[in-house]
Amino acid sequence: MKEPIVKSAGNIFLDLGFPPEEAAVLQMRSGLMADLRNFIEGKKLTQTEAAAILGISQSRVSDLIRGKWERFSLEMLVVLATKAGMRISLKRAA
């Protein structure tokens, strides 16, 4: 039997059943992690080079690249993105 296709709410975490407040934070965290991975890959940085730029250990860079989102708070990801030269802002949807 085929599973029905359900239209996304626009936030995968809401779709997975997380409460709205938690889904919002998880979406922000996952977006920042993706941006940081893209920064590292785009600059062709080694994990050691990325660690020096971000001010964290190489093992933390490995966690970041491997998507271990549970090991990074939203605040920490904002700090890392800022160190990577990204401009971060928070906007409330209408």
PDB file of N, CA and C in Angstrom:
ATOM      1  N   MET A   1       0.847  -1.183   0.000  1.00  0.00           N
ATOM      2  CA  MET A   1       0.000   0.000   0.000  1.00  0.00           C
ATOM      3  C   MET A   1       0.891   1.245   0.000  1.00  0.00           C
ATOM      4  N   LYS A   2       0.558   2.206  -0.834  1.00  0.00           N
ATOM      5  CA  LYS A   2       1.324   3.439  -0.948  1.00  0.00           C
ATOM      6  C   LYS A   2       0.982   4.401   0.180  1.00  0.00           C
ATOM      7  N   GLU A   3       2.027   5.002   0.734  1.00  0.00           N
ATOM      8  CA  GLU A   3       1.821   6.017   1.773  1.00  0.00           C
ATOM      9  C   GLU A   3       1.329   7.301   1.115  1.00  0.00           C
ATOM     10  N   PRO A   4       0.399   8.002   1.747  1.00  0.00           N
ATOM     11  CA  PRO A   4      -0.066   9.266   1.167  1.00  0.00           C
ATOM     12  C   PRO A   4       1.025  10.328   1.257  1.00  0.00           C
ATOM     13  N   ILE A   5       1.050  11.198   0.275  1.00  0.00           N
ATOM     14  CA  ILE A   5       1.988  12.323   0.280  1.00  0.00           C
ATOM     15  C   ILE A   5       1.320  13.463   1.027  1.00  0.00           C
ATOM     16  N   VAL A   6       2.030  13.980   2.024  1.00  0.00           N
ATOM     17  CA  VAL A   6       1.500  15.054   2.854  1.00  0.00           C
ATOM     18  C   VAL A   6       2.313  16.311   2.588  1.00  0.00           C
ATOM     19  N   LYS A   7       1.621  17.405   2.356  1.00  0.00           N
ATOM     20  CA  LYS A   7       2.290  18.680   2.115  1.00  0.00           C
ATOM     21  C   LYS A   7       3.010  19.141   3.384  1.00  0.00           C
ATOM     22  N   SER A   8       4.250  19.593   3.209  1.00  0.00           N
ATOM     23  CA  SER A   8       5.054  20.043   4.339  1.00  0.00           C
ATOM     24  C   SER A   8       4.528  21.350   4.903  1.00  0.00           C
ATOM     25  N   ALA A   9       4.732  21.521   6.195  1.00  0.00           N
ATOM     26  CA  ALA A   9       4.388  22.781   6.860  1.00  0.00           C
ATOM     27  C   ALA A   9       5.452  23.839   6.598  1.00  0.00           C
ATOM     28  N   GLY A  10       6.551  23.446   5.922  1.00  0.00           N
ATOM     29  CA  GLY A  10       7.643  24.381   5.666  1.00  0.00           C
ATOM     30  C   GLY A  10       8.765  24.254   6.678  1.00  0.00           C
ATOM     31  N   ASN A  11       8.571  23.415   7.654  1.00  0.00           N
ATOM     32  CA  ASN A  11       9.587  23.155   8.661  1.00  0.00           C
ATOM     33  C   ASN A  11       9.545  21.650   8.939  1.00  0.00           C
ATOM     34  N   ILE A  12      10.580  20.953   8.538  1.00  0.00           N
ATOM     35  CA  ILE A  12      10.624  19.498   8.676  1.00  0.00           C
ATOM     36  C   ILE A  12      10.415  19.054  10.117  1.00  0.00           C
ATOM     37  N   PHE A  13      10.861  19.869  11.050  1.00  0.00           N
ATOM     38  CA  PHE A  13      10.739  19.505  12.458  1.00  0.00           C
ATOM     39  C   PHE A  13       9.278  19.570  12.927  1.00  0.00           C
ATOM     40  N   LEU A  14       8.497  20.518  12.384  1.00  0.00           N
ATOM     41  CA  LEU A  14       7.063  20.528  12.648  1.00  0.00           C
ATOM     42  C   LEU A  14       6.424  19.284  12.049  1.00  0.00           C
ATOM     43  N   ASP A  15       6.855  18.964  10.825  1.00  0.00           N
ATOM     44  CA  ASP A  15       6.321  17.782  10.148  1.00  0.00           C
ATOM     45  C   ASP A  15       6.601  16.512  10.941  1.00  0.00           C
ATOM     46  N   LEU A  16       7.719  16.490  11.650  1.00  0.00           N
ATOM     47  CA  LEU A  16       8.088  15.315  12.446  1.00  0.00           C
ATOM     48  C   LEU A  16       7.403  15.283  13.808  1.00  0.00           C
ATOM     49  N   GLY A  17       6.650  16.326  14.122  1.00  0.00           N
ATOM     50  CA  GLY A  17       5.874  16.315  15.352  1.00  0.00           C
ATOM     51  C   GLY A  17       6.455  17.091  16.523  1.00  0.00           C
ATOM     52  N   PHE A  18       7.545  17.836  16.292  1.00  0.00           N
ATOM     53  CA  PHE A  18       8.093  18.650  17.377  1.00  0.00           C
ATOM     54  C   PHE A  18       7.148  19.807  17.664  1.00  0.00           C
ATOM     55  N   PRO A  19       7.087  20.267  18.912  1.00  0.00           N
ATOM     56  CA  PRO A  19       6.283  21.450  19.233  1.00  0.00           C
ATOM     57  C   PRO A  19       6.821  22.656  18.451  1.00  0.00           C
ATOM     58  N   PRO A  20       5.953  23.608  18.114  1.00  0.00           N
ATOM     59  CA  PRO A  20       6.372  24.748  17.280  1.00  0.00           C
ATOM     60  C   PRO A  20       7.602  25.493  17.788  1.00  0.00           C
ATOM     61  N   GLU A  21       7.694  25.705  19.112  1.00  0.00           N
ATOM     62  CA  GLU A  21       8.838  26.460  19.640  1.00  0.00           C
ATOM     63  C   GLU A  21      10.140  25.681  19.470  1.00  0.00           C
ATOM     64  N   GLU A  22      10.094  24.387  19.665  1.00  0.00           N
ATOM     65  CA  GLU A  22      11.288  23.561  19.496  1.00  0.00           C
ATOM     66  C   GLU A  22      11.631  23.413  18.012  1.00  0.00           C
ATOM     67  N   ALA A  23      10.613  23.278  17.176  1.00  0.00           N
ATOM     68  CA  ALA A  23      10.823  23.148  15.729  1.00  0.00           C
ATOM     69  C   ALA A  23      11.504  24.390  15.164  1.00  0.00           C
ATOM     70  N   ALA A  24      11.143  25.570  15.667  1.00  0.00           N
ATOM     71  CA  ALA A  24      11.750  26.813  15.183  1.00  0.00           C
ATOM     72  C   ALA A  24      13.248  26.848  15.499  1.00  0.00           C
ATOM     73  N   VAL A  25      13.599  26.476  16.716  1.00  0.00           N
ATOM     74  CA  VAL A  25      15.012  26.467  17.117  1.00  0.00           C
ATOM     75  C   VAL A  25      15.781  25.401  16.336  1.00  0.00           C
ATOM     76  N   LEU A  26      15.205  24.225  16.183  1.00  0.00           N
ATOM     77  CA  LEU A  26      15.874  23.155  15.435  1.00  0.00           C
ATOM     78  C   LEU A  26      16.096  23.550  13.982  1.00  0.00           C
ATOM     79  N   GLN A  27      15.130  24.226  13.394  1.00  0.00           N
ATOM     80  CA  GLN A  27      15.289  24.674  12.012  1.00  0.00           C
ATOM     81  C   GLN A  27      16.421  25.695  11.891  1.00  0.00           C
ATOM     82  N   MET A  28      16.500  26.621  12.838  1.00  0.00           N
ATOM     83  CA  MET A  28      17.586  27.602  12.822  1.00  0.00           C
ATOM     84  C   MET A  28      18.936  26.919  13.000  1.00  0.00           C
ATOM     85  N   ARG A  29      19.003  25.982  13.934  1.00  0.00           N
ATOM     86  CA  ARG A  29      20.261  25.261  14.175  1.00  0.00           C
ATOM     87  C   ARG A  29      20.696  24.493  12.939  1.00  0.00           C
ATOM     88  N   SER A  30      19.778  23.784  12.314  1.00  0.00           N
ATOM     89  CA  SER A  30      20.146  22.993  11.145  1.00  0.00           C
ATOM     90  C   SER A  30      20.573  23.891   9.985  1.00  0.00           C
ATOM     91  N   GLY A  31      19.918  25.033   9.834  1.00  0.00           N
ATOM     92  CA  GLY A  31      20.308  25.974   8.776  1.00  0.00           C
ATOM     93  C   GLY A  31      21.700  26.536   8.995  1.00  0.00           C
ATOM     94  N   LEU A  32      22.012  26.908  10.225  1.00  0.00           N
ATOM     95  CA  LEU A  32      23.345  27.432  10.530  1.00  0.00           C
ATOM     96  C   LEU A  32      24.418  26.357  10.353  1.00  0.00           C
ATOM     97  N   MET A  33      24.109  25.137  10.743  1.00  0.00           N
ATOM     98  CA  MET A  33      25.080  24.052  10.555  1.00  0.00           C
ATOM     99  C   MET A  33      25.356  23.829   9.075  1.00  0.00           C
ATOM    100  N   ALA A  34      24.318  23.859   8.270  1.00  0.00           N
ATOM    101  CA  ALA A  34      24.499  23.697   6.823  1.00  0.00           C
ATOM    102  C   ALA A  34      25.341  24.842   6.264  1.00  0.00           C
ATOM    103  N   ASP A  35      25.071  26.063   6.711  1.00  0.00           N
ATOM    104  CA  ASP A  35      25.851  27.213   6.250  1.00  0.00           C
ATOM    105  C   ASP A  35      27.324  27.071   6.638  1.00  0.00           C
ATOM    106  N   LEU A  36      27.583  26.599   7.841  1.00  0.00           N
ATOM    107  CA  LEU A  36      28.964  26.418   8.292  1.00  0.00           C
ATOM    108  C   LEU A  36      29.668  25.308   7.509  1.00  0.00           C
ATOM    109  N   ARG A  37      28.967  24.221   7.242  1.00  0.00           N
ATOM    110  CA  ARG A  37      29.551  23.149   6.413  1.00  0.00           C
ATOM    111  C   ARG A  37      29.871  23.678   5.019  1.00  0.00           C
ATOM    112  N   ASN A  38      28.954  24.458   4.455  1.00  0.00           N
ATOM    113  CA  ASN A  38      29.191  25.043   3.131  1.00  0.00           C
ATOM    114  C   ASN A  38      30.389  25.989   3.141  1.00  0.00           C
ATOM    115  N   PHE A  39      30.546  26.751   4.221  1.00  0.00           N
ATOM    116  CA  PHE A  39      31.694  27.644   4.362  1.00  0.00           C
ATOM    117  C   PHE A  39      32.992  26.838   4.346  1.00  0.00           C
ATOM    118  N   ILE A  40      33.049  25.775   5.131  1.00  0.00           N
ATOM    119  CA  ILE A  40      34.258  24.949   5.232  1.00  0.00           C
ATOM    120  C   ILE A  40      34.558  24.284   3.893  1.00  0.00           C
ATOM    121  N   GLU A  41      33.540  23.713   3.279  1.00  0.00           N
ATOM    122  CA  GLU A  41      33.736  23.032   1.998  1.00  0.00           C
ATOM    123  C   GLU A  41      34.049  24.018   0.881  1.00  0.00           C
ATOM    124  N   GLY A  42      33.369  25.169   0.875  1.00  0.00           N
ATOM    125  CA  GLY A  42      33.574  26.182  -0.160  1.00  0.00           C
ATOM    126  C   GLY A  42      34.979  26.755  -0.162  1.00  0.00           C
ATOM    127  N   LYS A  43      35.552  26.885   1.018  1.00  0.00           N
ATOM    128  CA  LYS A  43      36.918  27.409   1.151  1.00  0.00           C
ATOM    129  C   LYS A  43      37.956  26.295   1.083  1.00  0.00           C
ATOM    130  N   LYS A  44      37.466  25.043   0.951  1.00  0.00           N
ATOM    131  CA  LYS A  44      38.345  23.873   0.906  1.00  0.00           C
ATOM    132  C   LYS A  44      39.293  23.816   2.110  1.00  0.00           C
ATOM    133  N   LEU A  45      38.713  24.100   3.280  1.00  0.00           N
ATOM    134  CA  LEU A  45      39.495  24.104   4.516  1.00  0.00           C
ATOM    135  C   LEU A  45      39.637  22.690   5.058  1.00  0.00           C
ATOM    136  N   THR A  46      40.784  22.401   5.624  1.00  0.00           N
ATOM    137  CA  THR A  46      40.917  21.167   6.389  1.00  0.00           C
ATOM    138  C   THR A  46      40.181  21.385   7.715  1.00  0.00           C
ATOM    139  N   GLN A  47      39.927  20.311   8.421  1.00  0.00           N
ATOM    140  CA  GLN A  47      39.283  20.459   9.726  1.00  0.00           C
ATOM    141  C   GLN A  47      40.161  21.261  10.672  1.00  0.00           C
ATOM    142  N   THR A  48      41.462  21.087  10.573  1.00  0.00           N
ATOM    143  CA  THR A  48      42.392  21.841  11.427  1.00  0.00           C
ATOM    144  C   THR A  48      42.337  23.331  11.102  1.00  0.00           C
ATOM    145  N   GLU A  49      42.300  23.670   9.806  1.00  0.00           N
ATOM    146  CA  GLU A  49      42.214  25.080   9.406  1.00  0.00           C
ATOM    147  C   GLU A  49      40.884  25.685   9.853  1.00  0.00           C
ATOM    148  N   ALA A  50      39.798  24.937   9.674  1.00  0.00           N
ATOM    149  CA  ALA A  50      38.485  25.422  10.092  1.00  0.00           C
ATOM    150  C   ALA A  50      38.447  25.625  11.606  1.00  0.00           C
ATOM    151  N   ALA A  51      39.059  24.712  12.335  1.00  0.00           N
ATOM    152  CA  ALA A  51      39.100  24.828  13.795  1.00  0.00           C
ATOM    153  C   ALA A  51      39.801  26.107  14.219  1.00  0.00           C
ATOM    154  N   ALA A  52      40.898  26.440  13.550  1.00  0.00           N
ATOM    155  CA  ALA A  52      41.639  27.659  13.884  1.00  0.00           C
ATOM    156  C   ALA A  52      40.791  28.902  13.618  1.00  0.00           C
ATOM    157  N   ILE A  53      40.076  28.918  12.513  1.00  0.00           N
ATOM    158  CA  ILE A  53      39.234  30.065  12.169  1.00  0.00           C
ATOM    159  C   ILE A  53      38.066  30.195  13.145  1.00  0.00           C
ATOM    160  N   LEU A  54      37.459  29.081  13.478  1.00  0.00           N
ATOM    161  CA  LEU A  54      36.268  29.094  14.325  1.00  0.00           C
ATOM    162  C   LEU A  54      36.579  29.119  15.817  1.00  0.00           C
ATOM    163  N   GLY A  55      37.822  28.859  16.179  1.00  0.00           N
ATOM    164  CA  GLY A  55      38.204  28.882  17.589  1.00  0.00           C
ATOM    165  C   GLY A  55      37.688  27.695  18.375  1.00  0.00           C
ATOM    166  N   ILE A  56      37.594  26.550  17.709  1.00  0.00           N
ATOM    167  CA  ILE A  56      37.145  25.318  18.362  1.00  0.00           C
ATOM    168  C   ILE A  56      38.133  24.205  18.027  1.00  0.00           C
ATOM    169  N   SER A  57      37.969  23.065  18.652  1.00  0.00           N
ATOM    170  CA  SER A  57      38.863  21.943  18.386  1.00  0.00           C
ATOM    171  C   SER A  57      38.516  21.280  17.057  1.00  0.00           C
ATOM    172  N   GLN A  58      39.472  20.535  16.536  1.00  0.00           N
ATOM    173  CA  GLN A  58      39.248  19.798  15.288  1.00  0.00           C
ATOM    174  C   GLN A  58      38.115  18.788  15.471  1.00  0.00           C
ATOM    175  N   SER A  59      38.024  18.184  16.653  1.00  0.00           N
ATOM    176  CA  SER A  59      36.957  17.197  16.876  1.00  0.00           C
ATOM    177  C   SER A  59      35.573  17.857  16.836  1.00  0.00           C
ATOM    178  N   ARG A  60      35.479  19.108  17.280  1.00  0.00           N
ATOM    179  CA  ARG A  60      34.198  19.836  17.205  1.00  0.00           C
ATOM    180  C   ARG A  60      33.851  20.150  15.749  1.00  0.00           C
ATOM    181  N   VAL A  61      34.876  20.468  14.934  1.00  0.00           N
ATOM    182  CA  VAL A  61      34.636  20.680  13.503  1.00  0.00           C
ATOM    183  C   VAL A  61      34.115  19.389  12.887  1.00  0.00           C
ATOM    184  N   SER A  62      34.688  18.276  13.270  1.00  0.00           N
ATOM    185  CA  SER A  62      34.227  16.976  12.778  1.00  0.00           C
ATOM    186  C   SER A  62      32.757  16.764  13.144  1.00  0.00           C
ATOM    187  N   ASP A  63      32.382  17.082  14.376  1.00  0.00           N
ATOM    188  CA  ASP A  63      30.981  16.966  14.798  1.00  0.00           C
ATOM    189  C   ASP A  63      30.083  17.842  13.923  1.00  0.00           C
ATOM    190  N   LEU A  64      30.550  19.036  13.636  1.00  0.00           N
ATOM    191  CA  LEU A  64      29.798  19.979  12.816  1.00  0.00           C
ATOM    192  C   LEU A  64      29.594  19.434  11.405  1.00  0.00           C
ATOM    193  N   ILE A  65      30.671  18.967  10.804  1.00  0.00           N
ATOM    194  CA  ILE A  65      30.615  18.450   9.437  1.00  0.00           C
ATOM    195  C   ILE A  65      29.726  17.211   9.357  1.00  0.00           C
ATOM    196  N   ARG A  66      29.768  16.395  10.393  1.00  0.00           N
ATOM    197  CA  ARG A  66      28.980  15.162  10.396  1.00  0.00           C
ATOM    198  C   ARG A  66      27.531  15.378  10.843  1.00  0.00           C
ATOM    199  N   GLY A  67      27.169  16.648  11.083  1.00  0.00           N
ATOM    200  CA  GLY A  67      25.776  16.966  11.372  1.00  0.00           C
ATOM    201  C   GLY A  67      25.300  16.567  12.752  1.00  0.00           C
ATOM    202  N   LYS A  68      26.183  16.528  13.702  1.00  0.00           N
ATOM    203  CA  LYS A  68      25.790  16.162  15.073  1.00  0.00           C
ATOM    204  C   LYS A  68      25.191  17.392  15.763  1.00  0.00           C
ATOM    205  N   TRP A  69      23.992  17.744  15.311  1.00  0.00           N
ATOM    206  CA  TRP A  69      23.350  18.982  15.741  1.00  0.00           C
ATOM    207  C   TRP A  69      23.053  19.022  17.231  1.00  0.00           C
ATOM    208  N   GLU A  70      22.901  17.860  17.850  1.00  0.00           N
ATOM    209  CA  GLU A  70      22.589  17.842  19.282  1.00  0.00           C
ATOM    210  C   GLU A  70      23.759  18.335  20.129  1.00  0.00           C
ATOM    211  N   ARG A  71      24.932  18.444  19.533  1.00  0.00           N
ATOM    212  CA  ARG A  71      26.119  18.893  20.275  1.00  0.00           C
ATOM    213  C   ARG A  71      26.355  20.399  20.186  1.00  0.00           C
ATOM    214  N   PHE A  72      25.459  21.107  19.468  1.00  0.00           N
ATOM    215  CA  PHE A  72      25.641  22.544  19.269  1.00  0.00           C
ATOM    216  C   PHE A  72      24.363  23.296  19.623  1.00  0.00           C
ATOM    217  N   SER A  73      24.494  24.251  20.525  1.00  0.00           N
ATOM    218  CA  SER A  73      23.350  25.113  20.845  1.00  0.00           C
ATOM    219  C   SER A  73      23.199  26.146  19.730  1.00  0.00           C
ATOM    220  N   LEU A  74      22.045  26.757  19.677  1.00  0.00           N
ATOM    221  CA  LEU A  74      21.819  27.826  18.706  1.00  0.00           C
ATOM    222  C   LEU A  74      22.808  28.961  18.952  1.00  0.00           C
ATOM    223  N   GLU A  75      23.027  29.283  20.207  1.00  0.00           N
ATOM    224  CA  GLU A  75      23.958  30.367  20.543  1.00  0.00           C
ATOM    225  C   GLU A  75      25.373  30.053  20.042  1.00  0.00           C
ATOM    226  N   MET A  76      25.828  28.829  20.242  1.00  0.00           N
ATOM    227  CA  MET A  76      27.159  28.431  19.787  1.00  0.00           C
ATOM    228  C   MET A  76      27.263  28.521  18.270  1.00  0.00           C
ATOM    229  N   LEU A  77      26.233  28.097  17.567  1.00  0.00           N
ATOM    230  CA  LEU A  77      26.251  28.154  16.106  1.00  0.00           C
ATOM    231  C   LEU A  77      26.274  29.594  15.598  1.00  0.00           C
ATOM    232  N   VAL A  78      25.577  30.499  16.301  1.00  0.00           N
ATOM    233  CA  VAL A  78      25.622  31.914  15.934  1.00  0.00           C
ATOM    234  C   VAL A  78      27.041  32.451  16.113  1.00  0.00           C
ATOM    235  N   VAL A  79      27.687  32.082  17.212  1.00  0.00           N
ATOM    236  CA  VAL A  79      29.071  32.509  17.460  1.00  0.00           C
ATOM    237  C   VAL A  79      29.990  31.986  16.354  1.00  0.00           C
ATOM    238  N   LEU A  80      29.869  30.709  16.009  1.00  0.00           N
ATOM    239  CA  LEU A  80      30.728  30.125  14.970  1.00  0.00           C
ATOM    240  C   LEU A  80      30.483  30.771  13.616  1.00  0.00           C
ATOM    241  N   ALA A  81      29.226  31.006  13.283  1.00  0.00           N
ATOM    242  CA  ALA A  81      28.916  31.643  12.002  1.00  0.00           C
ATOM    243  C   ALA A  81      29.493  33.051  11.944  1.00  0.00           C
ATOM    244  N   THR A  82      29.431  33.777  13.043  1.00  0.00           N
ATOM    245  CA  THR A  82      30.006  35.124  13.099  1.00  0.00           C
ATOM    246  C   THR A  82      31.521  35.069  12.910  1.00  0.00           C
ATOM    247  N   LYS A  83      32.165  34.095  13.542  1.00  0.00           N
ATOM    248  CA  LYS A  83      33.612  33.930  13.380  1.00  0.00           C
ATOM    249  C   LYS A  83      33.969  33.568  11.943  1.00  0.00           C
ATOM    250  N   ALA A  84      33.049  32.930  11.237  1.00  0.00           N
ATOM    251  CA  ALA A  84      33.267  32.563   9.833  1.00  0.00           C
ATOM    252  C   ALA A  84      32.994  33.751   8.905  1.00  0.00           C
ATOM    253  N   GLY A  85      32.608  34.882   9.488  1.00  0.00           N
ATOM    254  CA  GLY A  85      32.381  36.080   8.697  1.00  0.00           C
ATOM    255  C   GLY A  85      30.952  36.244   8.204  1.00  0.00           C
ATOM    256  N   MET A  86      30.065  35.422   8.694  1.00  0.00           N
ATOM    257  CA  MET A  86      28.663  35.526   8.296  1.00  0.00           C
ATOM    258  C   MET A  86      27.966  36.586   9.145  1.00  0.00           C
ATOM    259  N   ARG A  87      27.054  37.277   8.528  1.00  0.00           N
ATOM    260  CA  ARG A  87      26.240  38.255   9.255  1.00  0.00           C
ATOM    261  C   ARG A  87      24.940  37.567   9.635  1.00  0.00           C
ATOM    262  N   ILE A  88      24.665  37.500  10.904  1.00  0.00           N
ATOM    263  CA  ILE A  88      23.501  36.773  11.408  1.00  0.00           C
ATOM    264  C   ILE A  88      22.457  37.759  11.906  1.00  0.00           C
ATOM    265  N   SER A  89      21.207  37.502  11.512  1.00  0.00           N
ATOM    266  CA  SER A  89      20.106  38.294  12.053  1.00  0.00           C
ATOM    267  C   SER A  89      18.912  37.373  12.277  1.00  0.00           C
ATOM    268  N   LEU A  90      18.060  37.774  13.169  1.00  0.00           N
ATOM    269  CA  LEU A  90      16.864  37.006  13.490  1.00  0.00           C
ATOM    270  C   LEU A  90      15.670  37.833  13.058  1.00  0.00           C
ATOM    271  N   LYS A  91      14.818  37.207  12.233  1.00  0.00           N
ATOM    272  CA  LYS A  91      13.619  37.912  11.762  1.00  0.00           C
ATOM    273  C   LYS A  91      12.398  37.114  12.171  1.00  0.00           C
ATOM    274  N   ARG A  92      11.387  37.830  12.568  1.00  0.00           N
ATOM    275  CA  ARG A  92      10.126  37.201  12.918  1.00  0.00           C
ATOM    276  C   ARG A  92       9.252  37.159  11.680  1.00  0.00           C
ATOM    277  N   ALA A  93       8.704  35.995  11.395  1.00  0.00           N
ATOM    278  CA  ALA A  93       7.792  35.866  10.257  1.00  0.00           C
ATOM    279  C   ALA A  93       6.477  36.563  10.590  1.00  0.00           C
ATOM    280  N   ALA A  94       5.837  37.045   9.579  1.00  0.00           N
ATOM    281  CA  ALA A  94       4.562  37.762   9.781  1.00  0.00           C
ATOM    282  C   ALA A  94       3.465  36.826  10.213  1.00  0.00           C
TER     283      ALA A  94
END
